Structures are given as C-alpha cells and as structure tokens.
Amino acid sequence: MTAEIVIMNAQAVALAADSAVTARKGGDQKIFSSANKLYALSKNHSIGVMVYGNSNFMHIPSETVENVFGDKVVDQKID
C-alpha cells in the first residue's frame, strides 16, 4: 500500500510519500523500504507527479511516460 499526501496553500505545495515498494515474482514477494516515489520531472519546470499501484498509460508504464516527458522539456524554459 502506498501513502501519499499533498498540502497546498496560495504560496506553496508540499508532496510526501512513503518509501516502501512490494515486488512480486510468481508466488514470492519482497518489500523494499528505500524506493524514491517523488522526483523532479525537469529542472526548469515545477511539476509534481504522484502515482500508486501498477499504473500504465496506453500499455506503457507511467514511469516511462514521465521520463520521456522530462527529457523533452528539460531544455525548454518558460518566460
């Protein structure tokens, strides 16, 4: 289970998530307690993404979609 929280006001947004991940292979499962669930998509844009579960977009893992998006906008600046 993933725990995520967002606290917002007019000046700021704070995101938080736990760091536990369960990996399953066949009938076995292992719990890792050091997963990074929050990260910056790019240095030039303040974009936060929170995903839980086995998330896919058009049969593509959401992590792949987010990484491709981050790579595309990394050099673009907003004026």
Protein backbone atom coordinates (compact mmCIF):
# COMPACT_ATOMS: atom_id res chain seq x y z
CA MET A 1 0.00 0.00 0.00
CA THR A 2 1.23 3.50 -0.85
CA ALA A 3 0.63 6.54 1.33
CA GLU A 4 0.69 9.93 -0.41
CA ILE A 5 -0.24 13.39 0.85
CA VAL A 6 -0.41 16.87 -0.63
CA ILE A 7 -0.60 20.07 1.40
CA MET A 8 -1.38 23.22 -0.58
CA ASN A 9 -1.90 26.89 0.09
CA ALA A 10 -1.69 30.04 -2.03
CA GLN A 11 2.12 30.18 -1.84
CA ALA A 12 3.31 26.57 -1.96
CA VAL A 13 2.62 22.88 -2.48
CA ALA A 14 4.22 20.11 -0.40
CA LEU A 15 4.20 16.48 -1.58
CA ALA A 16 5.05 13.47 0.57
CA ALA A 17 5.04 9.70 0.04
CA ASP A 18 6.24 6.63 1.88
CA SER A 19 9.23 4.72 0.52
CA ALA A 20 8.05 1.08 0.64
CA VAL A 21 7.61 -0.97 -2.55
CA THR A 22 6.43 -4.58 -2.86
CA ALA A 23 7.89 -6.60 -5.73
CA ARG A 24 6.20 -9.85 -6.71
CA LYS A 25 7.61 -12.65 -8.82
CA GLY A 26 5.47 -15.74 -9.12
CA GLY A 27 4.24 -16.56 -5.63
CA ASP A 28 7.10 -14.78 -3.87
CA GLN A 29 7.12 -11.18 -2.75
CA LYS A 30 9.81 -8.89 -1.37
CA ILE A 31 9.40 -5.50 0.29
CA PHE A 32 11.95 -2.76 -0.36
CA SER A 33 11.94 0.21 2.00
CA SER A 34 14.02 2.69 0.02
CA ALA A 35 12.06 3.46 -3.15
CA ASN A 36 12.05 7.03 -4.50
CA LYS A 37 8.40 7.86 -5.22
CA LEU A 38 8.84 11.64 -5.60
CA TYR A 39 11.19 13.23 -8.09
CA ALA A 40 11.52 16.30 -10.33
CA LEU A 41 10.48 15.85 -13.95
CA SER A 42 12.79 18.65 -15.07
CA LYS A 43 14.99 21.37 -13.61
CA ASN A 44 13.12 24.18 -15.41
CA HIS A 45 9.52 23.25 -14.54
CA SER A 46 7.85 22.76 -11.18
CA ILE A 47 5.79 19.65 -11.90
CA GLY A 48 4.90 17.03 -9.32
CA VAL A 49 3.51 13.58 -10.12
CA MET A 50 2.16 11.06 -7.65
CA VAL A 51 1.38 7.54 -8.85
CA TYR A 52 0.41 4.44 -6.95
CA GLY A 53 -0.22 0.86 -7.96
CA ASN A 54 0.72 -0.62 -11.31
CA SER A 55 -0.03 2.46 -13.41
CA ASN A 56 0.03 2.32 -17.22
CA PHE A 57 -0.92 4.74 -19.99
CA MET A 58 -1.80 3.00 -23.27
CA HIS A 59 0.06 -0.14 -22.08
CA ILE A 60 3.22 1.89 -21.29
CA PRO A 61 4.39 2.17 -17.66
CA SER A 62 3.70 5.66 -16.29
CA GLU A 63 7.34 5.96 -15.18
CA THR A 64 8.43 5.66 -18.83
CA VAL A 65 5.91 8.31 -19.94
CA GLU A 66 7.09 10.68 -17.18
CA ASN A 67 10.77 10.14 -18.01
CA VAL A 68 10.22 10.80 -21.73
CA PHE A 69 8.25 13.96 -20.90
CA GLY A 70 11.01 15.13 -18.55
CA ASP A 71 13.65 14.51 -21.22
CA LYS A 72 11.66 16.52 -23.80
CA VAL A 73 11.15 19.62 -21.61
CA VAL A 74 14.49 19.64 -19.78
CA ASP A 75 15.99 22.32 -22.10
CA GLN A 76 12.81 24.37 -22.59
CA LYS A 77 12.30 27.48 -20.48
CA ILE A 78 9.02 29.23 -19.76
CA ASP A 79 9.14 33.04 -19.80
